[in-house]
N, C-alpha and C. Protein backbone atom coordinates (compact mmCIF):
# COMPACT_ATOMS: atom_id res chain seq x y z
N MET A 1 -41.01 182.67 22.72
CA MET A 1 -40.94 183.36 24.38
C MET A 1 -39.54 183.70 24.57
N THR A 2 -39.05 184.80 25.26
CA THR A 2 -37.31 185.43 25.81
C THR A 2 -36.95 183.55 26.52
N ILE A 3 -36.07 183.52 25.90
CA ILE A 3 -35.79 182.86 27.28
C ILE A 3 -34.24 183.33 27.90
N GLY A 4 -34.15 182.96 28.95
CA GLY A 4 -32.38 184.14 30.02
C GLY A 4 -32.38 183.47 31.43
N ARG A 5 -31.33 183.84 31.89
CA ARG A 5 -30.85 182.73 32.85
C ARG A 5 -31.73 183.12 34.72
N THR A 6 -31.89 182.21 35.17
CA THR A 6 -33.17 182.30 36.36
C THR A 6 -31.58 182.03 37.12
N THR A 7 -32.36 182.83 38.42
CA THR A 7 -31.69 182.34 39.75
C THR A 7 -31.98 181.37 40.20
N LEU A 8 -31.70 180.91 41.46
CA LEU A 8 -32.10 179.85 42.40
C LEU A 8 -33.34 179.93 42.82
N SER A 9 -33.74 181.12 43.25
CA SER A 9 -34.81 181.78 43.87
C SER A 9 -36.15 181.34 42.89
N GLN A 10 -35.52 181.56 41.60
CA GLN A 10 -36.58 181.99 40.63
C GLN A 10 -36.88 180.75 40.32
N HIS A 11 -35.89 179.74 40.44
CA HIS A 11 -36.13 178.47 40.02
C HIS A 11 -37.30 177.92 40.78
N VAL A 12 -36.72 177.69 42.08
CA VAL A 12 -37.36 177.54 43.11
C VAL A 12 -38.77 178.21 42.88
N ALA A 13 -39.28 179.05 43.07
CA ALA A 13 -40.44 179.85 42.44
C ALA A 13 -41.11 179.16 41.89
N GLN A 14 -40.65 179.03 40.50
CA GLN A 14 -41.41 178.01 39.66
C GLN A 14 -41.70 176.62 40.06
N GLU A 15 -41.17 176.26 40.80
CA GLU A 15 -41.34 174.78 40.96
C GLU A 15 -42.39 174.94 42.24
N ILE A 16 -42.62 175.86 43.05
CA ILE A 16 -43.41 176.10 44.48
C ILE A 16 -44.36 176.28 43.18
N ILE A 17 -44.56 177.08 41.97
CA ILE A 17 -45.64 177.38 41.73
C ILE A 17 -46.39 176.01 41.36
N GLY A 18 -45.54 175.21 40.21
CA GLY A 18 -45.25 173.91 39.82
C GLY A 18 -46.32 173.05 40.94
N ASP A 19 -46.02 172.83 42.55
CA ASP A 19 -46.47 172.30 42.85
C ASP A 19 -47.51 172.40 43.49
N ILE A 20 -48.08 173.72 43.64
CA ILE A 20 -49.45 174.28 43.83
C ILE A 20 -50.45 173.76 42.72
N LYS A 21 -50.40 173.95 41.08
CA LYS A 21 -50.56 173.05 40.33
C LYS A 21 -51.31 171.14 40.32
N LEU A 22 -49.88 170.94 40.91
CA LEU A 22 -49.91 169.76 41.19
C LEU A 22 -50.78 169.07 42.45
N ARG A 23 -50.61 169.60 43.44
CA ARG A 23 -51.66 169.45 44.37
C ARG A 23 -52.57 169.86 44.69
N GLY A 24 -53.41 170.51 43.60
CA GLY A 24 -54.43 171.25 43.38
C GLY A 24 -54.68 172.45 44.13
N LEU A 25 -53.83 172.94 44.80
CA LEU A 25 -54.10 174.19 45.57
C LEU A 25 -55.06 175.54 45.24
N ARG A 26 -55.87 175.82 46.46
CA ARG A 26 -56.46 177.31 45.87
C ARG A 26 -56.38 178.19 46.80
N ALA A 27 -57.30 179.27 46.85
CA ALA A 27 -56.81 180.40 47.45
C ALA A 27 -57.15 180.02 48.56
N GLY A 28 -56.00 180.10 49.87
CA GLY A 28 -55.92 180.29 51.43
C GLY A 28 -55.64 178.84 52.00
N ASP A 29 -55.29 178.33 50.81
CA ASP A 29 -54.78 176.87 50.79
C ASP A 29 -53.08 177.02 51.54
N GLU A 30 -53.05 176.51 52.53
CA GLU A 30 -51.36 176.43 52.90
C GLU A 30 -50.45 175.72 51.66
N ILE A 31 -49.40 176.31 51.90
CA ILE A 31 -47.83 175.75 51.06
C ILE A 31 -47.40 175.45 52.18
N PRO A 32 -46.52 174.28 51.73
CA PRO A 32 -45.66 173.27 52.80
C PRO A 32 -44.68 174.79 53.55
N ALA A 33 -44.16 174.18 55.04
CA ALA A 33 -43.49 174.84 55.96
C ALA A 33 -41.77 175.17 54.64
N GLU A 34 -41.53 176.42 55.34
CA GLU A 34 -39.70 176.86 54.67
C GLU A 34 -39.07 175.44 53.93
N ALA A 35 -39.02 174.53 55.51
CA ALA A 35 -37.77 173.48 55.79
C ALA A 35 -38.38 172.64 54.59
N GLU A 36 -39.50 172.19 54.83
CA GLU A 36 -39.85 171.22 54.15
C GLU A 36 -39.46 171.58 52.62
N LEU A 37 -40.14 172.83 51.66
CA LEU A 37 -39.47 173.06 50.42
C LEU A 37 -38.19 172.94 50.66
N ALA A 38 -37.56 173.90 51.55
CA ALA A 38 -36.20 173.94 50.80
C ALA A 38 -35.24 172.11 51.12
N GLU A 39 -35.59 171.18 52.16
CA GLU A 39 -35.30 169.88 51.45
C GLU A 39 -35.99 169.29 50.24
N ARG A 40 -37.03 169.23 50.04
CA ARG A 40 -37.76 169.20 48.65
C ARG A 40 -37.19 169.42 47.99
N HIS A 41 -36.54 170.67 47.13
CA HIS A 41 -35.93 171.14 46.14
C HIS A 41 -35.06 170.96 46.49
N GLY A 42 -34.09 170.32 47.58
CA GLY A 42 -32.44 170.39 47.67
C GLY A 42 -31.89 171.90 47.66
N VAL A 43 -32.65 172.90 48.25
CA VAL A 43 -31.67 174.22 48.51
C VAL A 43 -31.83 175.16 49.90
N ASN A 44 -31.21 175.87 50.20
CA ASN A 44 -30.92 176.17 51.55
C ASN A 44 -32.48 177.22 51.74
N ARG A 45 -32.62 177.18 53.06
CA ARG A 45 -34.00 178.05 53.46
C ARG A 45 -34.09 179.48 52.88
N LEU A 46 -32.83 179.96 52.69
CA LEU A 46 -32.83 181.34 52.19
C LEU A 46 -33.62 181.50 50.64
N ALA A 47 -33.25 180.81 49.85
CA ALA A 47 -33.27 180.21 48.79
C ALA A 47 -34.64 180.55 48.92
N VAL A 48 -35.58 179.58 49.48
CA VAL A 48 -37.01 179.36 49.78
C VAL A 48 -37.99 180.52 50.18
N ARG A 49 -36.90 181.26 50.90
CA ARG A 49 -37.62 182.50 51.26
C ARG A 49 -37.99 183.60 50.36
N GLU A 50 -36.46 183.89 49.90
CA GLU A 50 -36.51 184.59 48.52
C GLU A 50 -37.45 184.61 47.46
N ALA A 51 -37.82 182.98 47.54
CA ALA A 51 -38.66 182.59 46.53
C ALA A 51 -40.24 182.72 46.77
N ILE A 52 -40.43 182.46 47.71
CA ILE A 52 -41.61 182.61 48.66
C ILE A 52 -42.26 184.77 48.65
N ARG A 53 -40.68 185.08 49.24
CA ARG A 53 -41.08 187.16 48.15
C ARG A 53 -41.40 187.01 46.99
N THR A 54 -40.61 186.80 46.18
CA THR A 54 -41.13 186.69 44.81
C THR A 54 -42.42 186.59 44.77
N LEU A 55 -43.00 185.15 44.97
CA LEU A 55 -44.30 184.78 45.01
C LEU A 55 -45.40 185.93 45.66
N VAL A 56 -45.39 186.56 46.73
CA VAL A 56 -45.72 187.64 47.21
C VAL A 56 -45.78 188.51 46.26
N ALA A 57 -44.73 189.64 46.10
CA ALA A 57 -44.82 190.05 45.14
C ALA A 57 -45.33 190.10 44.01
N ARG A 58 -45.65 188.98 43.20
CA ARG A 58 -46.22 188.47 42.27
C ARG A 58 -48.02 188.52 43.07
N GLY A 59 -48.02 188.29 43.63
CA GLY A 59 -49.80 188.13 43.81
C GLY A 59 -50.31 186.64 44.44
N VAL A 60 -49.10 185.84 43.66
CA VAL A 60 -49.37 184.02 43.89
C VAL A 60 -49.56 183.68 45.54
N LEU A 61 -48.52 184.18 46.31
CA LEU A 61 -48.76 183.83 48.04
C LEU A 61 -49.21 185.50 48.55
N ILE A 62 -49.48 184.28 49.93
CA ILE A 62 -49.61 185.73 50.92
C ILE A 62 -49.19 185.14 52.01
N SER A 63 -48.48 185.85 52.61
CA SER A 63 -47.51 185.33 53.68
C SER A 63 -47.33 186.54 55.06
N SER A 64 -47.29 185.89 56.36
CA SER A 64 -47.52 186.54 57.41
C SER A 64 -46.47 186.14 58.35
N GLN A 65 -46.28 186.89 58.71
CA GLN A 65 -45.13 186.95 60.46
C GLN A 65 -45.21 185.85 60.95
N GLY A 66 -44.43 184.47 61.28
CA GLY A 66 -44.82 183.25 61.71
C GLY A 66 -45.34 182.34 61.58
N LYS A 67 -46.28 182.43 60.47
CA LYS A 67 -47.56 181.49 59.31
C LYS A 67 -46.70 181.09 58.19
N ARG A 68 -47.64 180.27 57.76
CA ARG A 68 -47.13 179.47 56.87
C ARG A 68 -48.00 180.32 55.54
N ALA A 69 -47.21 180.75 54.66
CA ALA A 69 -47.71 181.18 53.33
C ALA A 69 -48.41 180.81 52.29
N ARG A 70 -49.60 181.20 51.91
CA ARG A 70 -51.15 180.68 51.75
C ARG A 70 -50.89 181.09 50.15
N VAL A 71 -51.65 180.24 49.21
CA VAL A 71 -51.86 180.64 48.13
C VAL A 71 -53.02 181.66 47.97
N ALA A 72 -52.71 182.77 46.59
CA ALA A 72 -53.60 184.13 46.43
C ALA A 72 -53.66 183.73 45.30
N VAL A 73 -54.79 184.60 44.72
CA VAL A 73 -55.31 185.17 43.23
C VAL A 73 -54.43 185.90 43.09
N PRO A 74 -53.62 186.37 42.23
CA PRO A 74 -53.16 187.33 41.85
C PRO A 74 -54.54 188.23 40.86
N ALA A 75 -55.12 189.33 41.37
CA ALA A 75 -55.46 190.62 40.39
C ALA A 75 -55.49 190.56 39.48
N PRO A 76 -56.76 190.92 38.48
CA PRO A 76 -56.34 190.48 37.08
C PRO A 76 -55.55 192.12 36.65
N ALA A 77 -55.33 193.21 37.71
CA ALA A 77 -54.63 194.10 37.06
C ALA A 77 -52.98 194.07 36.98
N VAL A 78 -53.11 193.25 37.81
CA VAL A 78 -51.20 192.90 38.22
C VAL A 78 -50.78 192.06 36.47
N LEU A 79 -51.39 191.40 35.70
CA LEU A 79 -51.33 190.63 34.39
C LEU A 79 -51.19 192.04 33.80
N GLU A 80 -51.97 192.60 33.83
CA GLU A 80 -52.02 194.38 32.92
C GLU A 80 -50.97 195.23 33.15
N GLN A 81 -50.94 195.17 34.40
CA GLN A 81 -49.87 195.84 34.69
C GLN A 81 -48.46 195.74 34.22
N ILE A 82 -48.04 194.63 34.22
CA ILE A 82 -46.71 193.91 33.89
C ILE A 82 -47.21 194.26 31.94
N LEU A 83 -48.30 193.54 31.51
CA LEU A 83 -48.23 193.67 29.61
C LEU A 83 -48.00 194.99 29.36
N ASP A 84 -48.95 196.11 30.25
CA ASP A 84 -48.66 197.62 29.92
C ASP A 84 -47.62 197.53 29.97
N PHE A 85 -46.71 198.13 30.97
CA PHE A 85 -45.17 198.27 30.78
C PHE A 85 -44.66 197.57 30.04
N ARG A 86 -44.38 196.21 29.97
CA ARG A 86 -43.63 195.70 28.45
C ARG A 86 -43.52 196.31 27.51
N LEU A 87 -44.87 196.41 27.18
CA LEU A 87 -45.32 196.66 26.12
C LEU A 87 -45.10 198.23 25.58
N SER A 88 -44.97 199.30 26.88
CA SER A 88 -44.83 201.01 26.78
C SER A 88 -43.08 200.96 26.82
N GLN A 89 -42.45 199.71 26.87
CA GLN A 89 -40.66 199.92 26.96
C GLN A 89 -40.56 198.98 25.99
N ASN A 90 -41.15 198.78 24.93
CA ASN A 90 -41.14 198.27 23.64
C ASN A 90 -40.01 196.79 24.34
N SER A 91 -40.66 196.34 25.07
CA SER A 91 -39.69 194.53 25.94
C SER A 91 -40.43 193.67 25.35
N MET A 92 -41.29 193.94 24.46
CA MET A 92 -42.18 192.75 24.14
C MET A 92 -42.49 192.70 22.92
N ASP A 93 -41.42 191.82 22.13
CA ASP A 93 -41.79 191.39 20.65
C ASP A 93 -42.96 190.71 19.95
N LEU A 94 -43.76 190.88 18.81
CA LEU A 94 -44.87 190.56 18.63
C LEU A 94 -44.71 188.86 18.93
N ALA A 95 -44.06 188.67 18.45
CA ALA A 95 -44.10 186.84 19.26
C ALA A 95 -44.52 186.48 20.86
N ASP A 96 -43.89 187.25 21.58
CA ASP A 96 -43.97 187.51 22.63
C ASP A 96 -46.20 187.84 22.95
N LEU A 97 -46.09 189.08 22.70
CA LEU A 97 -47.49 189.29 22.99
C LEU A 97 -48.39 188.40 22.06
N LEU A 98 -48.20 187.80 20.98
CA LEU A 98 -49.03 186.94 20.42
C LEU A 98 -49.28 185.62 21.35
N ASP A 99 -47.68 185.26 21.98
CA ASP A 99 -48.23 183.60 22.45
C ASP A 99 -48.88 183.96 24.01
N THR A 100 -48.80 184.90 24.54
CA THR A 100 -49.47 185.44 25.79
C THR A 100 -51.01 185.55 25.56
N ARG A 101 -51.74 186.08 24.94
CA ARG A 101 -52.55 186.40 24.43
C ARG A 101 -53.26 184.59 23.96
N ARG A 102 -52.53 183.96 23.05
CA ARG A 102 -52.79 183.01 22.78
C ARG A 102 -53.10 182.29 24.37
N VAL A 103 -52.20 181.86 25.11
CA VAL A 103 -52.66 181.18 26.13
C VAL A 103 -53.59 181.85 27.39
N ILE A 104 -53.67 182.90 27.20
CA ILE A 104 -54.84 183.46 28.19
C ILE A 104 -56.70 183.56 27.36
N GLU A 105 -56.24 183.21 26.07
CA GLU A 105 -58.00 183.68 24.98
C GLU A 105 -58.04 181.96 25.43
N ALA A 106 -57.11 181.11 24.32
CA ALA A 106 -57.07 180.08 24.46
C ALA A 106 -57.84 179.29 25.75
N GLU A 107 -57.66 179.44 26.67
CA GLU A 107 -57.93 178.80 28.02
C GLU A 107 -59.31 179.35 28.53
N LEU A 108 -59.36 180.67 28.20
CA LEU A 108 -60.67 180.96 28.66
C LEU A 108 -61.82 180.71 28.14
N ALA A 109 -61.64 180.54 26.51
CA ALA A 109 -62.22 179.99 25.17
C ALA A 109 -62.91 178.40 25.84
N ARG A 110 -61.89 177.93 26.06
CA ARG A 110 -62.27 176.35 25.91
C ARG A 110 -62.31 176.44 27.68
N ARG A 111 -62.42 176.88 28.39
CA ARG A 111 -63.46 177.19 29.86
C ARG A 111 -64.98 177.24 29.63
N ALA A 112 -65.02 178.57 29.01
CA ALA A 112 -66.32 178.84 28.09
C ALA A 112 -66.50 177.66 27.41
N ALA A 113 -66.50 177.04 26.59
CA ALA A 113 -67.13 176.16 25.69
C ALA A 113 -67.94 174.65 26.76
N VAL A 114 -66.65 174.56 27.76
CA VAL A 114 -67.29 173.43 28.79
C VAL A 114 -68.56 173.76 29.93
N ARG A 115 -68.51 175.42 29.59
CA ARG A 115 -69.84 175.80 30.51
C ARG A 115 -70.99 175.81 29.61
N ARG A 116 -70.51 175.79 28.33
CA ARG A 116 -71.45 176.03 27.24
C ARG A 116 -72.41 174.74 26.71
N ALA A 117 -71.52 173.89 27.20
CA ALA A 117 -71.66 172.13 26.50
C ALA A 117 -72.37 171.95 27.57
N ALA A 118 -72.21 172.36 29.37
CA ALA A 118 -73.39 172.06 30.12
C ALA A 118 -74.43 172.75 30.36
N GLY A 119 -74.71 173.63 29.04
CA GLY A 119 -76.43 174.21 28.97
C GLY A 119 -76.24 175.64 29.80
N GLU A 120 -74.96 176.04 29.74
CA GLU A 120 -74.68 177.97 30.54
C GLU A 120 -74.29 178.09 29.53
N GLY A 121 -74.18 179.74 30.01
CA GLY A 121 -74.09 180.70 28.98
C GLY A 121 -74.40 180.87 27.85
N SER A 122 -74.37 181.63 26.75
CA SER A 122 -75.01 182.20 26.17
C SER A 122 -73.80 182.64 24.79
N MET A 123 -74.05 182.24 23.28
CA MET A 123 -73.16 182.40 22.21
C MET A 123 -73.22 183.87 21.61
N THR A 124 -74.15 184.26 22.23
CA THR A 124 -74.80 185.45 21.25
C THR A 124 -73.67 186.64 21.54
N GLU A 125 -73.50 186.98 22.58
CA GLU A 125 -72.33 188.46 22.51
C GLU A 125 -70.98 187.65 22.26
N VAL A 126 -70.47 186.68 22.38
CA VAL A 126 -69.57 185.84 21.57
C VAL A 126 -69.71 185.92 20.17
N ASP A 127 -70.50 186.02 19.75
CA ASP A 127 -70.94 186.32 18.12
C ASP A 127 -70.55 187.34 17.61
N ARG A 128 -71.29 188.37 18.60
CA ARG A 128 -71.14 189.36 18.16
C ARG A 128 -70.19 189.90 18.76
N ALA A 129 -69.05 189.86 19.44
CA ALA A 129 -67.69 190.54 19.97
C ALA A 129 -66.80 190.00 18.44
N LEU A 130 -67.37 188.57 18.17
CA LEU A 130 -65.99 188.05 17.01
C LEU A 130 -66.45 188.89 15.57
N ALA A 131 -67.62 189.41 15.21
CA ALA A 131 -67.94 189.90 14.52
C ALA A 131 -67.04 191.53 14.35
N THR A 132 -67.42 192.01 15.56
CA THR A 132 -66.51 193.16 16.09
C THR A 132 -65.13 193.18 15.71
N MET A 133 -64.58 192.15 15.91
CA MET A 133 -63.13 191.92 15.89
C MET A 133 -63.16 191.64 14.06
N GLY A 134 -63.48 190.53 13.50
CA GLY A 134 -63.34 190.60 12.74
C GLY A 134 -63.19 192.40 11.04
N HIS A 135 -64.28 192.90 11.89
CA HIS A 135 -64.62 193.95 11.11
C HIS A 135 -63.42 195.02 11.34
N ALA A 136 -62.81 195.09 12.78
CA ALA A 136 -61.18 195.60 13.16
C ALA A 136 -60.02 195.15 12.69
N VAL A 137 -60.06 193.85 12.14
CA VAL A 137 -59.00 193.40 11.69
C VAL A 137 -58.90 193.57 10.10
N GLY A 138 -60.31 193.76 9.43
CA GLY A 138 -60.35 194.32 8.06
C GLY A 138 -60.69 195.46 7.93
N ALA A 139 -60.34 196.26 8.93
CA ALA A 139 -59.77 197.68 8.77
C ALA A 139 -58.26 197.78 8.88
N GLY A 140 -57.75 196.78 9.47
CA GLY A 140 -56.33 197.03 9.20
C GLY A 140 -55.66 197.94 11.04
N GLY A 141 -56.36 198.25 12.02
CA GLY A 141 -56.63 199.29 12.77
C GLY A 141 -55.48 198.58 13.91
N VAL A 142 -55.05 199.83 14.73
CA VAL A 142 -54.24 199.24 15.83
C VAL A 142 -54.15 199.33 16.77
N HIS A 143 -53.59 198.97 17.38
CA HIS A 143 -53.64 199.55 18.84
C HIS A 143 -53.32 200.41 19.68
N ARG A 144 -53.89 201.44 20.39
CA ARG A 144 -53.37 202.90 20.42
C ARG A 144 -51.90 203.04 20.93
N ARG A 145 -51.91 201.53 22.21
CA ARG A 145 -50.24 202.06 23.15
C ARG A 145 -49.60 200.89 22.64
N GLY A 146 -48.55 201.01 23.12
CA GLY A 146 -47.40 200.05 22.72
C GLY A 146 -46.99 199.97 21.33
N PRO A 147 -45.48 199.05 20.74
CA PRO A 147 -45.31 199.08 19.93
C PRO A 147 -46.82 198.93 18.57
N ARG A 148 -46.27 199.55 17.54
CA ARG A 148 -47.47 199.41 16.08
C ARG A 148 -47.28 198.08 15.44
N LEU A 149 -48.26 197.23 15.42
CA LEU A 149 -48.83 195.52 15.22
C LEU A 149 -49.01 195.91 13.58
N PRO A 150 -48.97 194.68 12.92
CA PRO A 150 -49.03 194.26 11.59
C PRO A 150 -50.72 194.36 11.96
N SER A 151 -51.08 194.87 10.51
CA SER A 151 -52.33 194.92 10.03
C SER A 151 -52.76 193.08 10.42
N GLY A 152 -53.88 193.35 11.34
CA GLY A 152 -54.78 191.69 11.08
C GLY A 152 -54.19 191.23 13.12
N CYS A 153 -53.46 192.32 13.31
CA CYS A 153 -53.62 192.15 15.04
C CYS A 153 -53.63 193.02 15.71
N ARG A 154 -54.66 193.74 15.73
CA ARG A 154 -55.37 194.67 16.95
C ARG A 154 -55.97 194.32 17.61
N ARG A 155 -55.72 195.01 18.66
CA ARG A 155 -56.44 194.61 20.07
C ARG A 155 -57.50 195.25 20.21
N THR A 156 -58.78 194.48 19.90
CA THR A 156 -59.92 195.05 19.93
C THR A 156 -60.16 195.53 21.69
N GLY A 157 -60.54 194.70 22.93
CA GLY A 157 -59.98 195.07 24.08
C GLY A 157 -61.49 194.19 23.87
N ARG A 158 -62.10 193.68 23.06
CA ARG A 158 -63.53 193.08 23.18
C ARG A 158 -63.53 191.61 23.51
N MET A 159 -62.96 191.12 22.87
CA MET A 159 -62.79 189.27 22.67
C MET A 159 -62.73 188.96 24.66
N GLY A 160 -61.92 189.66 25.39
CA GLY A 160 -61.41 188.96 26.60
C GLY A 160 -62.75 188.84 27.61
N PRO A 161 -63.10 190.22 28.12
CA PRO A 161 -64.50 190.49 28.81
C PRO A 161 -65.35 189.44 28.13
N VAL A 162 -65.61 189.10 26.99
CA VAL A 162 -66.67 188.42 26.40
C VAL A 162 -66.42 187.04 27.08
N LEU A 163 -65.67 186.55 26.50
CA LEU A 163 -65.04 185.19 26.88
C LEU A 163 -64.94 184.86 28.66
N LEU A 164 -64.52 186.31 29.44
CA LEU A 164 -64.99 185.79 31.28
C LEU A 164 -66.67 185.92 31.00
N ARG A 165 -67.23 186.60 30.78
CA ARG A 165 -68.51 186.47 30.80
C ARG A 165 -69.24 185.04 30.42
N SER A 166 -68.39 184.65 29.38
CA SER A 166 -69.53 183.40 28.49
C SER A 166 -69.01 181.96 29.93
N HIS A 167 -67.61 182.34 30.50
CA HIS A 167 -67.23 181.60 31.25
C HIS A 167 -67.74 181.75 32.71
N GLY A 168 -68.31 182.54 33.11
CA GLY A 168 -69.79 182.83 33.82
C GLY A 168 -69.06 183.31 35.56
N ASN A 169 -67.73 184.32 35.37
CA ASN A 169 -67.56 184.41 36.51
C ASN A 169 -66.72 185.60 36.29
N GLU A 170 -67.18 186.93 36.18
CA GLU A 170 -66.43 188.26 35.86
C GLU A 170 -66.19 188.66 36.74
N ARG A 171 -66.13 188.12 38.38
CA ARG A 171 -64.60 188.65 39.32
C ARG A 171 -64.02 187.59 39.23
N ASN A 172 -63.51 186.34 38.35
CA ASN A 172 -63.08 185.99 38.66
C ASN A 172 -62.30 184.65 37.45
N PRO A 173 -62.63 185.12 36.25
CA PRO A 173 -62.81 184.28 35.97
C PRO A 173 -62.18 183.55 34.85
N ALA A 174 -61.01 183.09 35.56
CA ALA A 174 -59.54 181.92 35.64
C ALA A 174 -60.05 180.85 36.23
N ARG A 175 -61.29 181.08 36.86
CA ARG A 175 -61.41 179.76 37.99
C ARG A 175 -62.32 178.67 37.40
N LEU A 176 -62.16 177.65 37.46
CA LEU A 176 -63.28 176.49 37.01
C LEU A 176 -62.79 175.28 38.14
N PRO A 177 -63.49 174.46 39.14
CA PRO A 177 -63.02 173.80 39.75
C PRO A 177 -62.53 173.03 38.95
N GLN A 178 -61.57 172.18 39.20
CA GLN A 178 -60.61 171.36 38.66
C GLN A 178 -61.30 169.97 37.93
N SER A 179 -62.66 169.47 38.79
CA SER A 179 -63.35 168.43 38.44
C SER A 179 -64.32 168.90 37.24
N GLU A 180 -64.36 169.95 36.78
CA GLU A 180 -65.41 170.52 35.48
C GLU A 180 -64.13 171.06 34.51
N LEU A 181 -63.07 170.61 34.66
CA LEU A 181 -62.25 170.96 32.97
C LEU A 181 -62.04 169.59 32.24
N PRO A 182 -62.60 169.56 31.26
CA PRO A 182 -61.90 168.42 30.49
C PRO A 182 -60.01 167.74 30.51
N ARG A 183 -59.85 166.99 30.82
CA ARG A 183 -58.98 166.42 30.21
C ARG A 183 -58.33 166.16 29.03
N SER A 184 -57.23 166.77 28.72
CA SER A 184 -56.84 167.00 26.91
C SER A 184 -55.43 165.59 27.12
């Protein structure tokens, strides 16, 4: 992945995300007040406000006047728009693209496996999608948008949705209660 400099508010935003994960907060849960976040992270409230605005813009938080910010679930379209824009600008190299796919697809596959191990879901559609992807890779096709990828890196667009469905939640597939996830 590309490494760059971050501002104080970007650093605080990352720490807020870390806090959300650590505390197991879910959509609708409140995050601590600005003053508490400023003290906890050793920054002024202005940096916290900017971090919250950044996270609201990313769809991670919801904020309204006079109330604490609450956790939100970014719409899948947000990620799609970011990736599509980066690809159209040729600002995402192949390593970034493959890292992004690896993170998303590996987690979805792991969660689908948890469901399958619990006796839920079916492997039929997964097997069919894998076969289709295998044929596409063998044909050396490339995705119609974004940078030209080497043979074997074609995006078929089939596996992600299949993994989402086998995960069991098409509206918000990346959600499984933490208690259902195996610890690694």
